[in-house]
Amino acid sequence: MTHGNETILIVEDDAALRSLTARILKASGYTVLLARNGVEALALATGHEGNIDMVATDVVMPLMSGRPLVEKLSESRSDIKVLFMSGYTDDEMMRRGVLDGRTAFLQKPFTPTQFANKVRAVLDHPITREAARTQ
C-alpha cells in the first residue's frame, strides 16, 4: 500500500465509511481531518492553521454537498487537491455537472488498496484545481 505524510480532509456522511477511510490513511502515514458534511468541513478547514493537501469528499451529502464544498474551500486554499467519491458512476456525475473530466473520482464501493492508491495518485498529480481551471 502507498504511504505519505500529507494532510487529508475526509468529508463523508456515512460514519462507517468515514471511519474506514480515516484508518486506511492513518495507517499509511497521513494526517487525517474528519467531517460529516460540507458545513462541518468548512468550519474545520477554517480553524485548521496548517496545510490541507487534499480533500476526499462524498458528492451527495446533507447540508452541503461535495461540489459546493470544493468551490468554497478553493477560495481560501486554491492549491488543494480534490477526490470526489460517490456510489453514482462517473458518467452519471458528469451528466449531473459534478465532474468536469479533470476532476479525480472514485466510485463506491472501493477496496482499501483502491482508495489508498487513488489518494496517492491525486496527491502526486502535478495539476492542482487552480491550474486545471486555467488550461
N, C-alpha and C. Protein backbone atom coordinates (compact mmCIF):
# COMPACT_ATOMS: atom_id res chain seq x y z
N MET A 1 0.84 -1.19 0.00
CA MET A 1 0.00 0.00 0.00
C MET A 1 0.89 1.25 0.00
N THR A 2 0.37 2.32 -0.57
CA THR A 2 1.14 3.55 -0.67
C THR A 2 1.21 4.28 0.66
N HIS A 3 2.20 5.17 0.79
CA HIS A 3 2.38 5.93 2.03
C HIS A 3 2.57 7.41 1.71
N GLY A 4 2.32 8.24 2.72
CA GLY A 4 2.52 9.67 2.55
C GLY A 4 2.54 10.36 3.90
N ASN A 5 2.79 11.67 3.86
CA ASN A 5 2.81 12.44 5.10
C ASN A 5 1.94 13.69 4.99
N GLU A 6 1.12 13.76 3.95
CA GLU A 6 0.27 14.91 3.74
C GLU A 6 -0.95 14.91 4.68
N THR A 7 -1.64 16.04 4.69
CA THR A 7 -2.87 16.17 5.48
C THR A 7 -4.06 16.07 4.54
N ILE A 8 -4.98 15.17 4.89
CA ILE A 8 -6.16 14.89 4.07
C ILE A 8 -7.41 15.19 4.88
N LEU A 9 -8.33 15.94 4.30
CA LEU A 9 -9.64 16.19 4.88
C LEU A 9 -10.62 15.22 4.25
N ILE A 10 -11.21 14.35 5.07
CA ILE A 10 -12.20 13.40 4.59
C ILE A 10 -13.58 13.93 4.97
N VAL A 11 -14.45 14.04 3.97
CA VAL A 11 -15.81 14.53 4.20
C VAL A 11 -16.77 13.45 3.71
N GLU A 12 -17.42 12.81 4.65
CA GLU A 12 -18.27 11.65 4.35
C GLU A 12 -19.37 11.57 5.39
N ASP A 13 -20.63 11.48 4.94
CA ASP A 13 -21.75 11.44 5.88
C ASP A 13 -22.01 10.05 6.45
N ASP A 14 -21.46 9.03 5.83
CA ASP A 14 -21.61 7.66 6.36
C ASP A 14 -20.51 7.41 7.39
N ALA A 15 -20.90 7.22 8.64
CA ALA A 15 -19.94 7.10 9.74
C ALA A 15 -18.97 5.93 9.54
N ALA A 16 -19.48 4.79 9.10
CA ALA A 16 -18.62 3.62 8.92
C ALA A 16 -17.57 3.87 7.83
N LEU A 17 -17.99 4.46 6.73
CA LEU A 17 -17.05 4.73 5.64
C LEU A 17 -16.06 5.83 6.03
N ARG A 18 -16.53 6.83 6.77
CA ARG A 18 -15.64 7.88 7.26
C ARG A 18 -14.56 7.28 8.16
N SER A 19 -14.95 6.39 9.04
CA SER A 19 -14.01 5.74 9.94
C SER A 19 -13.03 4.85 9.17
N LEU A 20 -13.53 4.09 8.22
CA LEU A 20 -12.69 3.20 7.43
C LEU A 20 -11.64 3.98 6.63
N THR A 21 -12.07 5.03 5.95
CA THR A 21 -11.12 5.80 5.15
C THR A 21 -10.07 6.47 6.04
N ALA A 22 -10.48 6.91 7.21
CA ALA A 22 -9.52 7.51 8.16
C ALA A 22 -8.48 6.48 8.59
N ARG A 23 -8.93 5.27 8.91
CA ARG A 23 -7.99 4.22 9.34
C ARG A 23 -7.01 3.88 8.22
N ILE A 24 -7.51 3.79 7.00
CA ILE A 24 -6.65 3.48 5.86
C ILE A 24 -5.55 4.53 5.72
N LEU A 25 -5.94 5.79 5.77
CA LEU A 25 -4.97 6.86 5.56
C LEU A 25 -4.00 7.00 6.73
N LYS A 26 -4.50 6.88 7.96
CA LYS A 26 -3.62 6.97 9.12
C LYS A 26 -2.59 5.85 9.11
N ALA A 27 -3.01 4.64 8.71
CA ALA A 27 -2.09 3.51 8.64
C ALA A 27 -1.02 3.73 7.57
N SER A 28 -1.31 4.61 6.61
CA SER A 28 -0.36 4.92 5.54
C SER A 28 0.46 6.16 5.84
N GLY A 29 0.32 6.72 7.05
CA GLY A 29 1.16 7.83 7.47
C GLY A 29 0.58 9.23 7.30
N TYR A 30 -0.62 9.33 6.76
CA TYR A 30 -1.22 10.64 6.54
C TYR A 30 -1.80 11.21 7.83
N THR A 31 -1.89 12.53 7.89
CA THR A 31 -2.65 13.22 8.93
C THR A 31 -4.07 13.35 8.40
N VAL A 32 -5.06 13.02 9.21
CA VAL A 32 -6.44 12.98 8.74
C VAL A 32 -7.31 13.91 9.56
N LEU A 33 -8.10 14.70 8.85
CA LEU A 33 -9.14 15.53 9.44
C LEU A 33 -10.48 14.97 8.97
N LEU A 34 -11.46 14.88 9.87
CA LEU A 34 -12.74 14.25 9.52
C LEU A 34 -13.90 15.21 9.68
N ALA A 35 -14.83 15.15 8.71
CA ALA A 35 -16.05 15.94 8.78
C ALA A 35 -17.21 15.11 8.23
N ARG A 36 -18.40 15.36 8.78
CA ARG A 36 -19.60 14.62 8.36
C ARG A 36 -20.30 15.22 7.16
N ASN A 37 -20.04 16.49 6.87
CA ASN A 37 -20.70 17.16 5.75
C ASN A 37 -19.89 18.39 5.37
N GLY A 38 -20.32 19.06 4.32
CA GLY A 38 -19.59 20.22 3.83
C GLY A 38 -19.52 21.37 4.80
N VAL A 39 -20.60 21.61 5.53
CA VAL A 39 -20.63 22.70 6.50
C VAL A 39 -19.60 22.46 7.61
N GLU A 40 -19.57 21.24 8.11
CA GLU A 40 -18.59 20.87 9.14
C GLU A 40 -17.17 20.94 8.59
N ALA A 41 -17.00 20.52 7.34
CA ALA A 41 -15.67 20.54 6.72
C ALA A 41 -15.15 21.98 6.57
N LEU A 42 -16.02 22.88 6.16
CA LEU A 42 -15.60 24.29 6.03
C LEU A 42 -15.17 24.87 7.36
N ALA A 43 -15.93 24.58 8.40
CA ALA A 43 -15.59 25.07 9.74
C ALA A 43 -14.25 24.49 10.18
N LEU A 44 -14.05 23.21 9.94
CA LEU A 44 -12.81 22.55 10.31
C LEU A 44 -11.63 23.14 9.54
N ALA A 45 -11.80 23.32 8.25
CA ALA A 45 -10.72 23.87 7.42
C ALA A 45 -10.39 25.31 7.82
N THR A 46 -11.40 26.08 8.15
CA THR A 46 -11.19 27.47 8.57
C THR A 46 -10.39 27.53 9.87
N GLY A 47 -10.66 26.63 10.78
CA GLY A 47 -9.97 26.61 12.05
C GLY A 47 -8.63 25.90 12.04
N HIS A 48 -8.32 25.22 10.94
CA HIS A 48 -7.06 24.47 10.84
C HIS A 48 -5.97 25.40 10.31
N GLU A 49 -4.95 25.64 11.12
CA GLU A 49 -3.90 26.57 10.74
C GLU A 49 -2.88 25.98 9.78
N GLY A 50 -2.76 24.67 9.77
CA GLY A 50 -1.78 24.03 8.89
C GLY A 50 -2.31 23.84 7.49
N ASN A 51 -1.48 23.23 6.68
CA ASN A 51 -1.84 22.95 5.29
C ASN A 51 -2.84 21.80 5.24
N ILE A 52 -3.74 21.86 4.27
CA ILE A 52 -4.60 20.72 3.93
C ILE A 52 -4.28 20.44 2.47
N ASP A 53 -3.65 19.30 2.24
CA ASP A 53 -3.17 18.98 0.90
C ASP A 53 -4.27 18.49 -0.03
N MET A 54 -5.26 17.80 0.55
CA MET A 54 -6.30 17.22 -0.28
C MET A 54 -7.59 17.08 0.50
N VAL A 55 -8.70 17.16 -0.22
CA VAL A 55 -10.00 16.83 0.35
C VAL A 55 -10.54 15.63 -0.44
N ALA A 56 -10.94 14.60 0.30
CA ALA A 56 -11.62 13.45 -0.28
C ALA A 56 -13.06 13.54 0.20
N THR A 57 -13.97 13.84 -0.70
CA THR A 57 -15.34 14.13 -0.29
C THR A 57 -16.38 13.33 -1.05
N ASP A 58 -17.39 12.93 -0.31
CA ASP A 58 -18.58 12.35 -0.91
C ASP A 58 -19.20 13.43 -1.78
N VAL A 59 -19.90 13.04 -2.81
CA VAL A 59 -20.52 14.01 -3.69
C VAL A 59 -21.86 14.48 -3.13
N VAL A 60 -22.69 13.54 -2.68
CA VAL A 60 -24.03 13.87 -2.20
C VAL A 60 -24.07 13.71 -0.69
N MET A 61 -24.33 14.84 0.01
CA MET A 61 -24.41 14.85 1.47
C MET A 61 -25.46 15.86 1.91
N PRO A 62 -25.96 15.70 3.14
CA PRO A 62 -26.89 16.71 3.65
C PRO A 62 -26.16 18.03 3.95
N LEU A 63 -26.88 19.10 4.00
CA LEU A 63 -26.42 20.45 4.33
C LEU A 63 -25.59 21.09 3.22
N MET A 64 -24.50 20.47 2.82
CA MET A 64 -23.69 20.97 1.71
C MET A 64 -22.99 19.79 1.05
N SER A 65 -23.23 19.63 -0.23
CA SER A 65 -22.63 18.52 -0.96
C SER A 65 -21.20 18.83 -1.39
N GLY A 66 -20.58 17.86 -2.03
CA GLY A 66 -19.17 17.94 -2.37
C GLY A 66 -18.76 19.08 -3.29
N ARG A 67 -19.50 19.31 -4.37
CA ARG A 67 -19.10 20.34 -5.33
C ARG A 67 -19.12 21.74 -4.70
N PRO A 68 -20.20 22.16 -4.01
CA PRO A 68 -20.17 23.47 -3.36
C PRO A 68 -19.08 23.57 -2.29
N LEU A 69 -18.82 22.48 -1.59
CA LEU A 69 -17.75 22.47 -0.60
C LEU A 69 -16.41 22.77 -1.25
N VAL A 70 -16.11 22.08 -2.33
CA VAL A 70 -14.83 22.26 -3.02
C VAL A 70 -14.70 23.69 -3.53
N GLU A 71 -15.78 24.24 -4.06
CA GLU A 71 -15.74 25.62 -4.54
C GLU A 71 -15.41 26.58 -3.40
N LYS A 72 -16.02 26.38 -2.23
CA LYS A 72 -15.75 27.24 -1.07
C LYS A 72 -14.33 27.04 -0.55
N LEU A 73 -13.89 25.79 -0.44
CA LEU A 73 -12.53 25.51 0.03
C LEU A 73 -11.49 26.13 -0.88
N SER A 74 -11.75 26.09 -2.18
CA SER A 74 -10.79 26.61 -3.16
C SER A 74 -10.61 28.12 -3.06
N GLU A 75 -11.58 28.81 -2.47
CA GLU A 75 -11.46 30.26 -2.32
C GLU A 75 -10.29 30.62 -1.39
N SER A 76 -10.09 29.83 -0.35
CA SER A 76 -9.03 30.12 0.60
C SER A 76 -7.83 29.18 0.48
N ARG A 77 -8.02 28.06 -0.17
CA ARG A 77 -6.95 27.06 -0.34
C ARG A 77 -6.92 26.65 -1.82
N SER A 78 -6.44 27.55 -2.65
CA SER A 78 -6.53 27.35 -4.10
C SER A 78 -5.73 26.16 -4.60
N ASP A 79 -4.75 25.70 -3.82
CA ASP A 79 -3.92 24.59 -4.28
C ASP A 79 -4.37 23.24 -3.74
N ILE A 80 -5.52 23.18 -3.08
CA ILE A 80 -6.00 21.92 -2.51
C ILE A 80 -6.37 20.95 -3.64
N LYS A 81 -5.94 19.72 -3.47
CA LYS A 81 -6.28 18.66 -4.43
C LYS A 81 -7.61 18.05 -4.01
N VAL A 82 -8.34 17.48 -4.97
CA VAL A 82 -9.70 17.02 -4.71
C VAL A 82 -9.91 15.61 -5.25
N LEU A 83 -10.56 14.79 -4.43
CA LEU A 83 -11.02 13.48 -4.84
C LEU A 83 -12.50 13.38 -4.48
N PHE A 84 -13.35 13.27 -5.50
CA PHE A 84 -14.78 13.05 -5.27
C PHE A 84 -15.03 11.55 -5.18
N MET A 85 -15.91 11.17 -4.26
CA MET A 85 -16.30 9.77 -4.09
C MET A 85 -17.82 9.69 -4.15
N SER A 86 -18.34 8.65 -4.80
CA SER A 86 -19.79 8.51 -4.89
C SER A 86 -20.17 7.09 -5.28
N GLY A 87 -21.37 6.73 -4.90
CA GLY A 87 -21.95 5.46 -5.35
C GLY A 87 -22.47 5.56 -6.77
N TYR A 88 -22.64 6.79 -7.26
CA TYR A 88 -23.01 7.01 -8.66
C TYR A 88 -21.80 6.79 -9.54
N THR A 89 -22.03 6.44 -10.80
CA THR A 89 -20.92 6.25 -11.73
C THR A 89 -20.34 7.61 -12.14
N ASP A 90 -19.12 7.58 -12.66
CA ASP A 90 -18.52 8.83 -13.12
C ASP A 90 -19.29 9.43 -14.29
N ASP A 91 -19.90 8.58 -15.15
CA ASP A 91 -20.74 9.09 -16.24
C ASP A 91 -21.93 9.85 -15.70
N GLU A 92 -22.56 9.30 -14.66
CA GLU A 92 -23.70 9.98 -14.04
C GLU A 92 -23.28 11.29 -13.39
N MET A 93 -22.11 11.30 -12.76
CA MET A 93 -21.61 12.52 -12.13
C MET A 93 -21.30 13.60 -13.19
N MET A 94 -20.82 13.18 -14.36
CA MET A 94 -20.56 14.15 -15.43
C MET A 94 -21.88 14.70 -15.97
N ARG A 95 -22.89 13.83 -16.12
CA ARG A 95 -24.20 14.30 -16.60
C ARG A 95 -24.82 15.28 -15.62
N ARG A 96 -24.59 15.09 -14.34
CA ARG A 96 -25.14 15.99 -13.33
C ARG A 96 -24.30 17.25 -13.17
N GLY A 97 -23.17 17.33 -13.88
CA GLY A 97 -22.33 18.52 -13.82
C GLY A 97 -21.39 18.57 -12.63
N VAL A 98 -21.23 17.45 -11.94
CA VAL A 98 -20.35 17.42 -10.77
C VAL A 98 -18.90 17.27 -11.20
N LEU A 99 -18.66 16.42 -12.18
CA LEU A 99 -17.30 16.19 -12.67
C LEU A 99 -17.11 16.90 -14.00
N ASP A 100 -15.89 17.34 -14.25
CA ASP A 100 -15.61 18.07 -15.48
C ASP A 100 -14.60 17.35 -16.37
N GLY A 101 -14.28 16.12 -16.05
CA GLY A 101 -13.32 15.38 -16.86
C GLY A 101 -11.89 15.51 -16.37
N ARG A 102 -11.60 16.54 -15.57
CA ARG A 102 -10.26 16.72 -14.99
C ARG A 102 -10.28 16.45 -13.50
N THR A 103 -11.45 16.20 -12.95
CA THR A 103 -11.60 16.01 -11.52
C THR A 103 -11.44 14.53 -11.18
N ALA A 104 -10.67 14.23 -10.15
CA ALA A 104 -10.46 12.84 -9.73
C ALA A 104 -11.74 12.29 -9.10
N PHE A 105 -12.04 11.05 -9.42
CA PHE A 105 -13.28 10.42 -8.96
C PHE A 105 -13.00 8.97 -8.61
N LEU A 106 -13.62 8.51 -7.52
CA LEU A 106 -13.54 7.12 -7.10
C LEU A 106 -14.94 6.64 -6.79
N GLN A 107 -15.37 5.60 -7.52
CA GLN A 107 -16.71 5.09 -7.33
C GLN A 107 -16.76 4.15 -6.13
N LYS A 108 -17.79 4.30 -5.31
CA LYS A 108 -18.04 3.40 -4.19
C LYS A 108 -18.81 2.21 -4.71
N PRO A 109 -18.65 1.05 -4.13
CA PRO A 109 -17.70 0.73 -3.06
C PRO A 109 -16.29 0.56 -3.64
N PHE A 110 -15.30 0.76 -2.80
CA PHE A 110 -13.92 0.59 -3.21
C PHE A 110 -13.18 -0.18 -2.12
N THR A 111 -12.06 -0.77 -2.49
CA THR A 111 -11.25 -1.50 -1.53
C THR A 111 -10.29 -0.53 -0.84
N PRO A 112 -9.75 -0.90 0.31
CA PRO A 112 -8.74 -0.06 0.95
C PRO A 112 -7.56 0.26 0.02
N THR A 113 -7.11 -0.73 -0.73
CA THR A 113 -5.99 -0.52 -1.64
C THR A 113 -6.36 0.46 -2.75
N GLN A 114 -7.56 0.31 -3.31
CA GLN A 114 -8.00 1.24 -4.35
C GLN A 114 -8.04 2.67 -3.81
N PHE A 115 -8.56 2.83 -2.60
CA PHE A 115 -8.66 4.16 -2.00
C PHE A 115 -7.27 4.75 -1.77
N ALA A 116 -6.39 3.98 -1.14
CA ALA A 116 -5.04 4.48 -0.85
C ALA A 116 -4.28 4.82 -2.13
N ASN A 117 -4.41 3.99 -3.14
CA ASN A 117 -3.73 4.25 -4.41
C ASN A 117 -4.28 5.49 -5.10
N LYS A 118 -5.60 5.68 -5.05
CA LYS A 118 -6.21 6.84 -5.69
C LYS A 118 -5.79 8.13 -4.97
N VAL A 119 -5.77 8.10 -3.65
CA VAL A 119 -5.32 9.27 -2.87
C VAL A 119 -3.89 9.63 -3.27
N ARG A 120 -3.02 8.63 -3.31
CA ARG A 120 -1.63 8.90 -3.66
C ARG A 120 -1.53 9.47 -5.08
N ALA A 121 -2.30 8.91 -6.01
CA ALA A 121 -2.27 9.38 -7.39
C ALA A 121 -2.72 10.84 -7.49
N VAL A 122 -3.77 11.19 -6.76
CA VAL A 122 -4.25 12.57 -6.78
C VAL A 122 -3.20 13.50 -6.18
N LEU A 123 -2.62 13.11 -5.07
CA LEU A 123 -1.59 13.94 -4.44
C LEU A 123 -0.37 14.12 -5.33
N ASP A 124 -0.02 13.10 -6.08
CA ASP A 124 1.16 13.16 -6.94
C ASP A 124 0.91 13.83 -8.28
N HIS A 125 -0.35 14.04 -8.62
CA HIS A 125 -0.68 14.66 -9.90
C HIS A 125 -0.24 16.12 -9.88
N PRO A 126 0.49 16.57 -10.90
CA PRO A 126 1.06 17.92 -10.86
C PRO A 126 0.06 19.05 -11.06
N ILE A 127 -1.13 18.76 -11.57
CA ILE A 127 -2.08 19.83 -11.84
C ILE A 127 -3.04 20.00 -10.66
N THR A 128 -3.02 21.18 -10.08
CA THR A 128 -3.96 21.49 -8.99
C THR A 128 -5.28 21.94 -9.62
N ARG A 129 -6.29 22.09 -8.80
CA ARG A 129 -7.59 22.57 -9.29
C ARG A 129 -7.43 23.94 -9.95
N GLU A 130 -6.62 24.80 -9.35
CA GLU A 130 -6.43 26.14 -9.91
C GLU A 130 -5.80 26.07 -11.29
N ALA A 131 -4.79 25.24 -11.44
CA ALA A 131 -4.12 25.10 -12.74
C ALA A 131 -5.08 24.49 -13.77
N ALA A 132 -5.89 23.52 -13.34
CA ALA A 132 -6.83 22.89 -14.26
C ALA A 132 -7.85 23.89 -14.79
N ARG A 133 -8.23 24.86 -13.97
CA ARG A 133 -9.21 25.86 -14.40
C ARG A 133 -8.63 26.78 -15.46
N THR A 134 -7.33 26.96 -15.48
CA THR A 134 -6.72 27.90 -16.41
C THR A 134 -6.26 27.24 -17.70
N GLN A 135 -6.36 25.93 -17.80
CA GLN A 135 -5.91 25.24 -19.01
C GLN A 135 -7.03 25.12 -20.03
